[in-house]
Amino acid sequence: MKKLQDLTYNEKLKIALKLKDSYSFFLVYFEFLPKHKTQKDCYTELNSIYIEFFGSDKYKNFDSFRACMYRDYFRKTKNQNNDKK
């Protein structure tokens, strides 16, 4: 998998379309996280792609992103696991 800065315009566009939905933003974040030194670096690069295509931040800052991720992503994941039982 390429690093975000090495992606073509069309590859970035595909990612940007996924970033529009919060849950998908989190999934893309976890997909690209191993390619980054820090969680914040990964968030910053994904957010820059979001800004490039939609003209504004998806989340106010990294702390806001983390709060939403823990609130929404992990709650949804936990509920999906409970539904399987």
C-alpha atoms as a PDB file:
ATOM      1  CA  MET A   1       0.000   0.000   0.000  1.00  0.00           C
ATOM      2  CA  LYS A   2       1.285   3.458  -0.935  1.00  0.00           C
ATOM      3  CA  LYS A   3       1.833   6.286   1.470  1.00  0.00           C
ATOM      4  CA  LEU A   4      -0.792   8.993   1.221  1.00  0.00           C
ATOM      5  CA  GLN A   5       1.601  11.554  -0.248  1.00  0.00           C
ATOM      6  CA  ASP A   6       2.432   9.128  -3.091  1.00  0.00           C
ATOM      7  CA  LEU A   7      -1.169   8.668  -4.227  1.00  0.00           C
ATOM      8  CA  THR A   8      -2.457   9.899  -7.579  1.00  0.00           C
ATOM      9  CA  TYR A   9      -5.378  12.307  -7.855  1.00  0.00           C
ATOM     10  CA  ASN A  10      -7.794   9.462  -8.666  1.00  0.00           C
ATOM     11  CA  GLU A  11      -6.552   7.376  -5.736  1.00  0.00           C
ATOM     12  CA  LYS A  12      -7.006  10.373  -3.437  1.00  0.00           C
ATOM     13  CA  LEU A  13     -10.503  10.918  -4.843  1.00  0.00           C
ATOM     14  CA  LYS A  14     -11.503   7.342  -3.985  1.00  0.00           C
ATOM     15  CA  ILE A  15     -10.230   7.862  -0.447  1.00  0.00           C
ATOM     16  CA  ALA A  16     -11.916  11.268  -0.159  1.00  0.00           C
ATOM     17  CA  LEU A  17     -15.279   9.739  -1.013  1.00  0.00           C
ATOM     18  CA  LYS A  18     -14.814   7.249   1.831  1.00  0.00           C
ATOM     19  CA  LEU A  19     -13.817  10.034   4.215  1.00  0.00           C
ATOM     20  CA  LYS A  20     -17.158  11.759   3.800  1.00  0.00           C
ATOM     21  CA  ASP A  21     -18.807   9.258   6.161  1.00  0.00           C
ATOM     22  CA  SER A  22     -17.454   9.321   9.736  1.00  0.00           C
ATOM     23  CA  TYR A  23     -17.346   5.552  10.219  1.00  0.00           C
ATOM     24  CA  SER A  24     -15.546   5.107   6.894  1.00  0.00           C
ATOM     25  CA  PHE A  25     -13.105   7.878   7.869  1.00  0.00           C
ATOM     26  CA  PHE A  26     -12.176   5.775  10.884  1.00  0.00           C
ATOM     27  CA  LEU A  27     -11.767   2.637   8.738  1.00  0.00           C
ATOM     28  CA  VAL A  28      -9.463   4.461   6.308  1.00  0.00           C
ATOM     29  CA  TYR A  29      -7.547   5.902   9.259  1.00  0.00           C
ATOM     30  CA  PHE A  30      -6.864   2.405  10.626  1.00  0.00           C
ATOM     31  CA  GLU A  31      -5.918   1.199   7.144  1.00  0.00           C
ATOM     32  CA  PHE A  32      -3.254   3.894   6.731  1.00  0.00           C
ATOM     33  CA  LEU A  33      -2.126   4.119  10.358  1.00  0.00           C
ATOM     34  CA  PRO A  34       0.709   1.538  10.027  1.00  0.00           C
ATOM     35  CA  LYS A  35       2.329   3.775   7.372  1.00  0.00           C
ATOM     36  CA  HIS A  36       2.719   6.689   9.794  1.00  0.00           C
ATOM     37  CA  LYS A  37       4.963   7.384  12.753  1.00  0.00           C
ATOM     38  CA  THR A  38       2.134   8.818  14.847  1.00  0.00           C
ATOM     39  CA  GLN A  39      -1.642   8.726  14.970  1.00  0.00           C
ATOM     40  CA  LYS A  40      -1.710  12.483  14.530  1.00  0.00           C
ATOM     41  CA  ASP A  41       0.366  12.285  11.336  1.00  0.00           C
ATOM     42  CA  CYS A  42      -2.098   9.822   9.850  1.00  0.00           C
ATOM     43  CA  TYR A  43      -5.079  11.960  10.837  1.00  0.00           C
ATOM     44  CA  THR A  44      -3.412  15.105   9.454  1.00  0.00           C
ATOM     45  CA  GLU A  45      -2.773  13.521   6.049  1.00  0.00           C
ATOM     46  CA  LEU A  46      -6.290  12.119   5.767  1.00  0.00           C
ATOM     47  CA  ASN A  47      -7.753  15.433   6.839  1.00  0.00           C
ATOM     48  CA  SER A  48      -5.658  17.223   4.199  1.00  0.00           C
ATOM     49  CA  ILE A  49      -7.173  14.949   1.534  1.00  0.00           C
ATOM     50  CA  TYR A  50     -10.620  15.757   2.912  1.00  0.00           C
ATOM     51  CA  ILE A  51      -9.877  19.488   2.769  1.00  0.00           C
ATOM     52  CA  GLU A  52      -8.522  19.167  -0.785  1.00  0.00           C
ATOM     53  CA  PHE A  53     -11.820  17.735  -2.043  1.00  0.00           C
ATOM     54  CA  PHE A  54     -14.449  19.244   0.265  1.00  0.00           C
ATOM     55  CA  GLY A  55     -12.903  22.587   1.222  1.00  0.00           C
ATOM     56  CA  SER A  56     -13.111  22.267   5.017  1.00  0.00           C
ATOM     57  CA  ASP A  57     -11.964  20.112   7.916  1.00  0.00           C
ATOM     58  CA  LYS A  58     -13.868  16.937   8.714  1.00  0.00           C
ATOM     59  CA  TYR A  59     -12.960  17.367  12.381  1.00  0.00           C
ATOM     60  CA  LYS A  60     -11.948  20.559  14.177  1.00  0.00           C
ATOM     61  CA  ASN A  61      -8.636  19.048  15.312  1.00  0.00           C
ATOM     62  CA  PHE A  62      -6.974  15.757  16.231  1.00  0.00           C
ATOM     63  CA  ASP A  63      -8.471  15.724  19.727  1.00  0.00           C
ATOM     64  CA  SER A  64     -11.958  16.178  18.292  1.00  0.00           C
ATOM     65  CA  PHE A  65     -11.299  13.353  15.836  1.00  0.00           C
ATOM     66  CA  ARG A  66     -10.138  11.048  18.639  1.00  0.00           C
ATOM     67  CA  ALA A  67     -13.150  11.854  20.804  1.00  0.00           C
ATOM     68  CA  CYS A  68     -15.526  11.106  17.922  1.00  0.00           C
ATOM     69  CA  MET A  69     -13.645   7.941  17.037  1.00  0.00           C
ATOM     70  CA  TYR A  70     -13.874   6.560  20.546  1.00  0.00           C
ATOM     71  CA  ARG A  71     -17.496   7.612  20.869  1.00  0.00           C
ATOM     72  CA  ASP A  72     -18.758   6.478  17.438  1.00  0.00           C
ATOM     73  CA  TYR A  73     -16.401   3.881  15.965  1.00  0.00           C
ATOM     74  CA  PHE A  74     -15.879   1.810  19.064  1.00  0.00           C
ATOM     75  CA  ARG A  75     -19.560   2.013  20.032  1.00  0.00           C
ATOM     76  CA  LYS A  76     -20.581   0.801  16.566  1.00  0.00           C
ATOM     77  CA  THR A  77     -17.963  -1.947  16.590  1.00  0.00           C
ATOM     78  CA  LYS A  78     -19.065  -3.070  20.048  1.00  0.00           C
ATOM     79  CA  ASN A  79     -22.716  -3.140  18.946  1.00  0.00           C
ATOM     80  CA  GLN A  80     -21.838  -5.168  15.845  1.00  0.00           C
ATOM     81  CA  ASN A  81     -20.002  -7.701  17.987  1.00  0.00           C
ATOM     82  CA  ASN A  82     -22.957  -7.945  20.381  1.00  0.00           C
ATOM     83  CA  ASP A  83     -25.328  -8.544  17.443  1.00  0.00           C
ATOM     84  CA  LYS A  84     -23.247 -11.557  16.387  1.00  0.00           C
ATOM     85  CA  LYS A  85     -23.725 -13.267  19.766  1.00  0.00           C
END
